[in-house]
Amino acid sequence: MSLDTQIAPAARQGFMVGYLDTLALVERLHRLLLDVIKDEFERLGILEINAVQALLLFNVGDNEVTAGELKSRGYYQGSNVSYNLKKMVDLGYMHHQRCEIDRRSVRVRLTQRGREIRDIVAALFARHAEGLLSRGIIDMEGIEDMTAALKRVERYWTDQIRYIY
């Protein structure tokens, strides 16, 4: 007997409800993260960049990357990352340079101004991590379990994109 026939219809329905709740939570958490970053920047009077752009600067960090590399890491969609990278260059948060090998490709890295934004986001995240831990909201084991579960879902979804057509 296969595993599919062993799972009762009620259990399948319960799993589906839980899965849909989880999907909605992931969406809400992403939007909430952007709101938290936006609020921090408003408190600091930094209004010329948005939360997505600040997060992009944080994710680039000390690396020198192309838009394609950011897209392949799963951080951004193609047109979104290209637009935001161009804007970050125009505002002086990033340097850009054409690749020697592929002149169509542009590599970017943070300027000092971009590193300052990255540091603000890093400090915000450090405060959050400390608050979650010190208030007993989640411990190391909980973070590890949550991360492992989300990575399994990520792998499953990635496989769906690559192999189901």
N, C-alpha and C. Protein backbone atom coordinates (compact mmCIF):
# COMPACT_ATOMS: atom_id res chain seq x y z
N MET A 1 0.85 -1.17 0.00
CA MET A 1 0.00 0.00 0.00
C MET A 1 0.89 1.24 0.00
N SER A 2 0.62 2.21 -0.87
CA SER A 2 1.43 3.41 -0.95
C SER A 2 1.10 4.37 0.18
N LEU A 3 2.00 5.28 0.42
CA LEU A 3 1.81 6.28 1.47
C LEU A 3 0.56 7.12 1.18
N ASP A 4 0.31 7.40 -0.12
CA ASP A 4 -0.85 8.21 -0.50
C ASP A 4 -2.15 7.58 -0.04
N THR A 5 -2.28 6.26 -0.15
CA THR A 5 -3.52 5.61 0.23
C THR A 5 -3.64 5.42 1.72
N GLN A 6 -2.53 5.56 2.44
CA GLN A 6 -2.54 5.41 3.89
C GLN A 6 -2.99 6.68 4.61
N ILE A 7 -2.92 7.81 3.96
CA ILE A 7 -3.28 9.08 4.59
C ILE A 7 -4.77 9.31 4.41
N ALA A 8 -5.46 9.44 5.52
CA ALA A 8 -6.91 9.62 5.49
C ALA A 8 -7.27 10.95 4.84
N PRO A 9 -8.42 11.01 4.17
CA PRO A 9 -8.85 12.27 3.54
C PRO A 9 -8.91 13.44 4.52
N ALA A 10 -9.33 13.20 5.74
CA ALA A 10 -9.40 14.28 6.74
C ALA A 10 -8.00 14.81 7.05
N ALA A 11 -7.03 13.91 7.12
CA ALA A 11 -5.65 14.33 7.39
C ALA A 11 -5.10 15.13 6.20
N ARG A 12 -5.44 14.68 4.99
CA ARG A 12 -5.02 15.42 3.79
C ARG A 12 -5.61 16.83 3.81
N GLN A 13 -6.88 16.93 4.15
CA GLN A 13 -7.55 18.23 4.20
C GLN A 13 -6.92 19.10 5.27
N GLY A 14 -6.63 18.53 6.43
CA GLY A 14 -5.98 19.27 7.51
C GLY A 14 -4.60 19.77 7.10
N PHE A 15 -3.87 18.92 6.39
CA PHE A 15 -2.55 19.34 5.91
C PHE A 15 -2.68 20.50 4.94
N MET A 16 -3.66 20.41 4.03
CA MET A 16 -3.88 21.48 3.05
C MET A 16 -4.19 22.79 3.75
N VAL A 17 -5.03 22.76 4.77
CA VAL A 17 -5.36 23.98 5.52
C VAL A 17 -4.09 24.54 6.16
N GLY A 18 -3.29 23.67 6.78
CA GLY A 18 -2.04 24.11 7.40
C GLY A 18 -1.06 24.68 6.38
N TYR A 19 -0.99 24.03 5.21
CA TYR A 19 -0.08 24.51 4.15
C TYR A 19 -0.49 25.90 3.68
N LEU A 20 -1.79 26.11 3.46
CA LEU A 20 -2.26 27.42 3.03
C LEU A 20 -2.03 28.48 4.10
N ASP A 21 -2.21 28.12 5.36
CA ASP A 21 -1.91 29.05 6.46
C ASP A 21 -0.43 29.42 6.46
N THR A 22 0.42 28.43 6.22
CA THR A 22 1.87 28.68 6.19
C THR A 22 2.24 29.59 5.03
N LEU A 23 1.65 29.35 3.86
CA LEU A 23 1.92 30.22 2.70
C LEU A 23 1.54 31.66 3.00
N ALA A 24 0.37 31.85 3.59
CA ALA A 24 -0.09 33.20 3.93
C ALA A 24 0.85 33.83 4.95
N LEU A 25 1.32 33.05 5.92
CA LEU A 25 2.24 33.57 6.93
C LEU A 25 3.56 34.00 6.32
N VAL A 26 4.09 33.21 5.39
CA VAL A 26 5.35 33.57 4.74
C VAL A 26 5.19 34.90 4.00
N GLU A 27 4.08 35.05 3.29
CA GLU A 27 3.82 36.32 2.60
C GLU A 27 3.73 37.49 3.58
N ARG A 28 2.96 37.30 4.65
CA ARG A 28 2.80 38.37 5.65
C ARG A 28 4.13 38.73 6.30
N LEU A 29 4.93 37.70 6.62
CA LEU A 29 6.22 37.97 7.26
C LEU A 29 7.14 38.78 6.34
N HIS A 30 7.13 38.46 5.05
CA HIS A 30 7.98 39.22 4.12
C HIS A 30 7.53 40.68 4.07
N ARG A 31 6.23 40.91 3.95
CA ARG A 31 5.72 42.29 3.92
C ARG A 31 6.01 43.00 5.24
N LEU A 32 5.86 42.29 6.35
CA LEU A 32 6.12 42.86 7.66
C LEU A 32 7.61 43.21 7.82
N LEU A 33 8.48 42.35 7.33
CA LEU A 33 9.91 42.66 7.38
C LEU A 33 10.20 43.96 6.63
N LEU A 34 9.61 44.12 5.46
CA LEU A 34 9.82 45.35 4.70
C LEU A 34 9.26 46.56 5.46
N ASP A 35 8.13 46.39 6.13
CA ASP A 35 7.57 47.49 6.94
C ASP A 35 8.47 47.84 8.11
N VAL A 36 9.05 46.84 8.75
CA VAL A 36 9.96 47.07 9.88
C VAL A 36 11.19 47.85 9.41
N ILE A 37 11.74 47.47 8.27
CA ILE A 37 12.90 48.18 7.72
C ILE A 37 12.51 49.60 7.35
N LYS A 38 11.35 49.76 6.71
CA LYS A 38 10.87 51.09 6.31
C LYS A 38 10.72 51.98 7.54
N ASP A 39 10.12 51.46 8.60
CA ASP A 39 9.94 52.25 9.82
C ASP A 39 11.29 52.67 10.42
N GLU A 40 12.25 51.77 10.42
CA GLU A 40 13.58 52.10 10.95
C GLU A 40 14.21 53.25 10.14
N PHE A 41 14.08 53.17 8.84
CA PHE A 41 14.67 54.20 7.99
C PHE A 41 13.92 55.53 8.14
N GLU A 42 12.62 55.48 8.32
CA GLU A 42 11.87 56.71 8.57
C GLU A 42 12.29 57.35 9.89
N ARG A 43 12.48 56.52 10.93
CA ARG A 43 12.95 57.04 12.23
C ARG A 43 14.30 57.73 12.09
N LEU A 44 15.13 57.19 11.22
CA LEU A 44 16.48 57.75 11.02
C LEU A 44 16.50 58.88 10.00
N GLY A 45 15.36 59.15 9.37
CA GLY A 45 15.29 60.22 8.38
C GLY A 45 15.90 59.85 7.03
N ILE A 46 16.03 58.58 6.77
CA ILE A 46 16.55 58.11 5.47
C ILE A 46 15.34 57.80 4.61
N LEU A 47 15.05 58.68 3.67
CA LEU A 47 13.82 58.56 2.91
C LEU A 47 14.02 58.34 1.41
N GLU A 48 15.27 58.41 0.94
CA GLU A 48 15.48 58.32 -0.51
C GLU A 48 15.55 56.90 -1.04
N ILE A 49 15.64 55.91 -0.14
CA ILE A 49 15.60 54.53 -0.60
C ILE A 49 14.48 53.81 0.14
N ASN A 50 13.98 52.76 -0.51
CA ASN A 50 12.90 52.00 0.13
C ASN A 50 13.45 50.75 0.81
N ALA A 51 12.57 50.01 1.46
CA ALA A 51 13.00 48.84 2.22
C ALA A 51 13.58 47.75 1.32
N VAL A 52 13.02 47.56 0.15
CA VAL A 52 13.54 46.55 -0.78
C VAL A 52 14.98 46.90 -1.16
N GLN A 53 15.23 48.18 -1.42
CA GLN A 53 16.57 48.62 -1.79
C GLN A 53 17.54 48.48 -0.61
N ALA A 54 17.09 48.80 0.59
CA ALA A 54 17.94 48.64 1.78
C ALA A 54 18.28 47.17 1.98
N LEU A 55 17.31 46.30 1.79
CA LEU A 55 17.55 44.86 1.93
C LEU A 55 18.51 44.37 0.84
N LEU A 56 18.39 44.93 -0.35
CA LEU A 56 19.31 44.59 -1.43
C LEU A 56 20.75 44.95 -1.03
N LEU A 57 20.93 46.14 -0.47
CA LEU A 57 22.26 46.56 -0.03
C LEU A 57 22.79 45.62 1.06
N PHE A 58 21.91 45.23 1.96
CA PHE A 58 22.30 44.28 3.02
C PHE A 58 22.73 42.95 2.41
N ASN A 59 21.97 42.46 1.43
CA ASN A 59 22.27 41.16 0.82
C ASN A 59 23.53 41.18 -0.03
N VAL A 60 23.83 42.30 -0.64
CA VAL A 60 25.08 42.40 -1.41
C VAL A 60 26.26 42.36 -0.44
N GLY A 61 26.14 43.08 0.66
CA GLY A 61 27.19 43.05 1.69
C GLY A 61 28.54 43.46 1.14
N ASP A 62 29.55 42.68 1.45
CA ASP A 62 30.92 42.97 1.01
C ASP A 62 31.25 42.34 -0.33
N ASN A 63 30.27 41.75 -0.99
CA ASN A 63 30.50 41.05 -2.25
C ASN A 63 30.47 41.99 -3.44
N GLU A 64 31.02 41.53 -4.53
CA GLU A 64 30.87 42.19 -5.82
C GLU A 64 30.06 41.22 -6.66
N VAL A 65 28.89 41.65 -7.13
CA VAL A 65 27.94 40.74 -7.76
C VAL A 65 27.35 41.33 -9.04
N THR A 66 26.71 40.46 -9.81
CA THR A 66 25.91 40.89 -10.95
C THR A 66 24.45 40.75 -10.58
N ALA A 67 23.59 41.37 -11.37
CA ALA A 67 22.15 41.22 -11.16
C ALA A 67 21.76 39.76 -11.27
N GLY A 68 22.37 39.06 -12.21
CA GLY A 68 22.08 37.64 -12.39
C GLY A 68 22.42 36.82 -11.17
N GLU A 69 23.52 37.15 -10.51
CA GLU A 69 23.89 36.42 -9.29
C GLU A 69 22.88 36.65 -8.18
N LEU A 70 22.41 37.88 -8.02
CA LEU A 70 21.38 38.16 -7.01
C LEU A 70 20.10 37.42 -7.34
N LYS A 71 19.75 37.38 -8.62
CA LYS A 71 18.56 36.67 -9.04
C LYS A 71 18.72 35.18 -8.80
N SER A 72 19.87 34.62 -9.12
CA SER A 72 20.08 33.18 -8.96
C SER A 72 20.12 32.77 -7.48
N ARG A 73 20.50 33.68 -6.62
CA ARG A 73 20.46 33.40 -5.18
C ARG A 73 19.03 33.39 -4.65
N GLY A 74 18.11 33.84 -5.50
CA GLY A 74 16.71 33.81 -5.11
C GLY A 74 16.23 35.04 -4.39
N TYR A 75 17.05 36.10 -4.34
CA TYR A 75 16.65 37.29 -3.61
C TYR A 75 15.64 38.13 -4.38
N TYR A 76 15.77 38.20 -5.71
CA TYR A 76 14.98 39.15 -6.48
C TYR A 76 14.63 38.59 -7.84
N GLN A 77 13.60 39.17 -8.45
CA GLN A 77 13.27 38.84 -9.83
C GLN A 77 14.07 39.75 -10.74
N GLY A 78 14.27 39.33 -11.98
CA GLY A 78 15.16 40.01 -12.91
C GLY A 78 14.94 41.50 -13.09
N SER A 79 13.74 41.90 -13.50
CA SER A 79 13.50 43.32 -13.76
C SER A 79 13.58 44.13 -12.47
N ASN A 80 13.12 43.56 -11.38
CA ASN A 80 13.14 44.24 -10.09
C ASN A 80 14.58 44.52 -9.66
N VAL A 81 15.44 43.53 -9.75
CA VAL A 81 16.82 43.71 -9.31
C VAL A 81 17.55 44.70 -10.21
N SER A 82 17.33 44.63 -11.51
CA SER A 82 18.01 45.55 -12.43
C SER A 82 17.61 47.00 -12.15
N TYR A 83 16.33 47.23 -11.97
CA TYR A 83 15.84 48.58 -11.67
C TYR A 83 16.47 49.09 -10.37
N ASN A 84 16.42 48.28 -9.33
CA ASN A 84 16.91 48.72 -8.03
C ASN A 84 18.43 48.89 -8.02
N LEU A 85 19.16 48.03 -8.72
CA LEU A 85 20.61 48.21 -8.80
C LEU A 85 20.95 49.53 -9.49
N LYS A 86 20.25 49.82 -10.59
CA LYS A 86 20.50 51.07 -11.31
C LYS A 86 20.21 52.26 -10.40
N LYS A 87 19.11 52.20 -9.67
CA LYS A 87 18.76 53.29 -8.77
C LYS A 87 19.81 53.45 -7.67
N MET A 88 20.31 52.34 -7.13
CA MET A 88 21.32 52.39 -6.06
C MET A 88 22.63 52.98 -6.60
N VAL A 89 22.96 52.69 -7.84
CA VAL A 89 24.14 53.29 -8.47
C VAL A 89 23.92 54.79 -8.65
N ASP A 90 22.75 55.16 -9.18
CA ASP A 90 22.44 56.58 -9.42
C ASP A 90 22.46 57.40 -8.13
N LEU A 91 22.03 56.78 -7.01
CA LEU A 91 22.00 57.49 -5.73
C LEU A 91 23.33 57.44 -4.97
N GLY A 92 24.31 56.72 -5.53
CA GLY A 92 25.62 56.69 -4.89
C GLY A 92 25.81 55.63 -3.82
N TYR A 93 24.92 54.64 -3.78
CA TYR A 93 25.04 53.57 -2.80
C TYR A 93 25.86 52.40 -3.33
N MET A 94 26.06 52.37 -4.66
CA MET A 94 26.81 51.28 -5.28
C MET A 94 27.70 51.82 -6.38
N HIS A 95 28.84 51.13 -6.56
CA HIS A 95 29.70 51.33 -7.73
C HIS A 95 29.30 50.28 -8.75
N HIS A 96 29.49 50.58 -10.02
CA HIS A 96 29.27 49.56 -11.04
C HIS A 96 30.41 49.58 -12.03
N GLN A 97 30.68 48.41 -12.60
CA GLN A 97 31.75 48.27 -13.56
C GLN A 97 31.39 47.15 -14.52
N ARG A 98 31.59 47.39 -15.80
CA ARG A 98 31.34 46.35 -16.81
C ARG A 98 32.35 45.23 -16.64
N CYS A 99 31.87 44.01 -16.82
CA CYS A 99 32.77 42.85 -16.75
C CYS A 99 33.70 42.87 -17.95
N GLU A 100 34.95 42.51 -17.72
CA GLU A 100 35.93 42.47 -18.80
C GLU A 100 35.60 41.37 -19.81
N ILE A 101 35.12 40.24 -19.32
CA ILE A 101 34.86 39.09 -20.19
C ILE A 101 33.56 39.24 -20.96
N ASP A 102 32.50 39.59 -20.27
CA ASP A 102 31.18 39.77 -20.89
C ASP A 102 30.76 41.22 -20.71
N ARG A 103 30.96 42.02 -21.72
CA ARG A 103 30.71 43.46 -21.63
C ARG A 103 29.24 43.79 -21.38
N ARG A 104 28.33 42.82 -21.61
CA ARG A 104 26.91 43.06 -21.34
C ARG A 104 26.63 43.02 -19.84
N SER A 105 27.48 42.36 -19.11
CA SER A 105 27.26 42.15 -17.68
C SER A 105 27.94 43.26 -16.87
N VAL A 106 27.24 43.71 -15.82
CA VAL A 106 27.76 44.76 -14.95
C VAL A 106 27.90 44.19 -13.54
N ARG A 107 29.04 44.42 -12.93
CA ARG A 107 29.28 44.00 -11.55
C ARG A 107 29.10 45.22 -10.65
N VAL A 108 28.48 45.00 -9.49
CA VAL A 108 28.25 46.09 -8.56
C VAL A 108 28.82 45.73 -7.20
N ARG A 109 29.18 46.77 -6.46
CA ARG A 109 29.62 46.62 -5.07
C ARG A 109 29.21 47.88 -4.33
N LEU A 110 29.14 47.77 -3.01
CA LEU A 110 28.69 48.90 -2.22
C LEU A 110 29.74 49.99 -2.13
N THR A 111 29.27 51.23 -2.13
CA THR A 111 30.13 52.37 -1.82
C THR A 111 30.15 52.49 -0.29
N GLN A 112 30.89 53.45 0.22
CA GLN A 112 30.87 53.70 1.67
C GLN A 112 29.45 54.03 2.13
N ARG A 113 28.76 54.80 1.34
CA ARG A 113 27.38 55.16 1.66
C ARG A 113 26.48 53.91 1.70
N GLY A 114 26.70 52.99 0.77
CA GLY A 114 25.95 51.74 0.75
C GLY A 114 26.27 50.87 1.94
N ARG A 115 27.55 50.85 2.34
CA ARG A 115 27.95 50.07 3.52
C ARG A 115 27.31 50.62 4.79
N GLU A 116 27.12 51.93 4.84
CA GLU A 116 26.44 52.53 6.00
C GLU A 116 25.00 52.04 6.10
N ILE A 117 24.32 51.94 4.96
CA ILE A 117 22.95 51.42 4.95
C ILE A 117 22.95 49.95 5.35
N ARG A 118 23.88 49.18 4.78
CA ARG A 118 24.00 47.77 5.14
C ARG A 118 24.19 47.62 6.65
N ASP A 119 25.02 48.46 7.23
CA ASP A 119 25.29 48.39 8.67
C ASP A 119 24.05 48.73 9.50
N ILE A 120 23.23 49.66 9.03
CA ILE A 120 21.99 49.99 9.73
C ILE A 120 21.05 48.79 9.75
N VAL A 121 20.91 48.14 8.60
CA VAL A 121 20.05 46.96 8.52
C VAL A 121 20.61 45.83 9.38
N ALA A 122 21.93 45.64 9.35
CA ALA A 122 22.56 44.59 10.17
C ALA A 122 22.33 44.86 11.65
N ALA A 123 22.43 46.10 12.07
CA ALA A 123 22.20 46.45 13.48
C ALA A 123 20.74 46.21 13.86
N LEU A 124 19.82 46.54 12.96
CA LEU A 124 18.40 46.29 13.20
C LEU A 124 18.16 44.79 13.40
N PHE A 125 18.72 43.97 12.51
CA PHE A 125 18.55 42.52 12.62
C PHE A 125 19.20 41.98 13.89
N ALA A 126 20.33 42.53 14.29
CA ALA A 126 20.99 42.09 15.53
C ALA A 126 20.11 42.40 16.74
N ARG A 127 19.49 43.59 16.74
CA ARG A 127 18.57 43.94 17.83
C ARG A 127 17.38 42.99 17.87
N HIS A 128 16.86 42.64 16.70
CA HIS A 128 15.73 41.71 16.64
C HIS A 128 16.14 40.34 17.17
N ALA A 129 17.29 39.85 16.75
CA ALA A 129 17.74 38.53 17.19
C ALA A 129 17.90 38.51 18.71
N GLU A 130 18.49 39.56 19.24
CA GLU A 130 18.68 39.64 20.69
C GLU A 130 17.33 39.71 21.41
N GLY A 131 16.40 40.48 20.89
CA GLY A 131 15.08 40.60 21.50
C GLY A 131 14.31 39.29 21.47
N LEU A 132 14.35 38.59 20.34
CA LEU A 132 13.67 37.29 20.23
C LEU A 132 14.23 36.29 21.24
N LEU A 133 15.54 36.28 21.37
CA LEU A 133 16.20 35.35 22.27
C LEU A 133 15.98 35.73 23.74
N SER A 134 16.20 37.00 24.07
CA SER A 134 16.13 37.42 25.47
C SER A 134 14.70 37.38 26.01
N ARG A 135 13.71 37.54 25.16
CA ARG A 135 12.32 37.49 25.61
C ARG A 135 11.74 36.07 25.55
N GLY A 136 12.55 35.13 25.12
CA GLY A 136 12.10 33.74 25.07
C GLY A 136 11.10 33.47 23.96
N ILE A 137 11.08 34.29 22.94
CA ILE A 137 10.13 34.11 21.84
C ILE A 137 10.53 32.90 21.01
N ILE A 138 11.82 32.75 20.78
CA ILE A 138 12.33 31.58 20.06
C ILE A 138 13.78 31.37 20.49
N ASP A 139 14.16 30.11 20.64
CA ASP A 139 15.53 29.79 21.04
C ASP A 139 16.29 29.22 19.84
N MET A 140 17.53 28.84 20.08
CA MET A 140 18.39 28.35 19.01
C MET A 140 17.79 27.10 18.35
N GLU A 141 17.28 26.19 19.16
CA GLU A 141 16.68 24.97 18.60
C GLU A 141 15.47 25.32 17.72
N GLY A 142 14.65 26.27 18.17
CA GLY A 142 13.49 26.69 17.39
C GLY A 142 13.89 27.31 16.06
N ILE A 143 14.92 28.15 16.08
CA ILE A 143 15.43 28.77 14.84
C ILE A 143 15.94 27.69 13.89
N GLU A 144 16.71 26.74 14.44
CA GLU A 144 17.26 25.67 13.60
C GLU A 144 16.15 24.82 13.00
N ASP A 145 15.13 24.48 13.79
CA ASP A 145 14.01 23.68 13.27
C ASP A 145 13.25 24.44 12.19
N MET A 146 12.98 25.72 12.44
CA MET A 146 12.24 26.53 11.47
C MET A 146 13.04 26.67 10.17
N THR A 147 14.33 26.94 10.30
CA THR A 147 15.18 27.08 9.12
C THR A 147 15.23 25.78 8.33
N ALA A 148 15.38 24.67 9.02
CA ALA A 148 15.44 23.37 8.33
C ALA A 148 14.13 23.09 7.58
N ALA A 149 13.00 23.37 8.22
CA ALA A 149 11.71 23.13 7.57
C ALA A 149 11.54 24.03 6.35
N LEU A 150 11.90 25.31 6.49
CA LEU A 150 11.77 26.23 5.36
C LEU A 150 12.72 25.86 4.22
N LYS A 151 13.90 25.36 4.54
CA LYS A 151 14.83 24.92 3.49
C LYS A 151 14.28 23.71 2.74
N ARG A 152 13.59 22.82 3.45
CA ARG A 152 12.98 21.67 2.77
C ARG A 152 11.88 22.12 1.81
N VAL A 153 11.07 23.09 2.24
CA VAL A 153 10.04 23.64 1.36
C VAL A 153 10.69 24.33 0.16
N GLU A 154 11.75 25.10 0.42
CA GLU A 154 12.47 25.77 -0.68
C GLU A 154 12.99 24.76 -1.69
N ARG A 155 13.58 23.68 -1.21
CA ARG A 155 14.09 22.64 -2.10
C ARG A 155 12.96 22.02 -2.92
N TYR A 156 11.83 21.76 -2.26
CA TYR A 156 10.68 21.18 -2.96
C TYR A 156 10.19 22.13 -4.06
N TRP A 157 10.01 23.40 -3.72
CA TRP A 157 9.55 24.36 -4.71
C TRP A 157 10.54 24.51 -5.85
N THR A 158 11.83 24.55 -5.52
CA THR A 158 12.86 24.65 -6.56
C THR A 158 12.78 23.46 -7.51
N ASP A 159 12.59 22.28 -6.96
CA ASP A 159 12.44 21.09 -7.80
C ASP A 159 11.21 21.20 -8.69
N GLN A 160 10.14 21.81 -8.19
CA GLN A 160 8.93 21.96 -8.99
C GLN A 160 9.20 22.86 -10.19
N ILE A 161 9.97 23.91 -9.98
CA ILE A 161 10.29 24.84 -11.07
C ILE A 161 11.18 24.17 -12.09
N ARG A 162 12.17 23.43 -11.63
CA ARG A 162 13.16 22.83 -12.53
C ARG A 162 12.64 21.62 -13.30
N TYR A 163 11.78 20.82 -12.68
CA TYR A 163 11.49 19.50 -13.25
C TYR A 163 10.06 19.28 -13.68
N ILE A 164 9.16 20.17 -13.37
CA ILE A 164 7.76 19.97 -13.73
C ILE A 164 7.38 20.94 -14.84
N TYR A 165 7.37 20.44 -16.07
CA TYR A 165 6.89 21.24 -17.20
C TYR A 165 6.25 20.35 -18.21
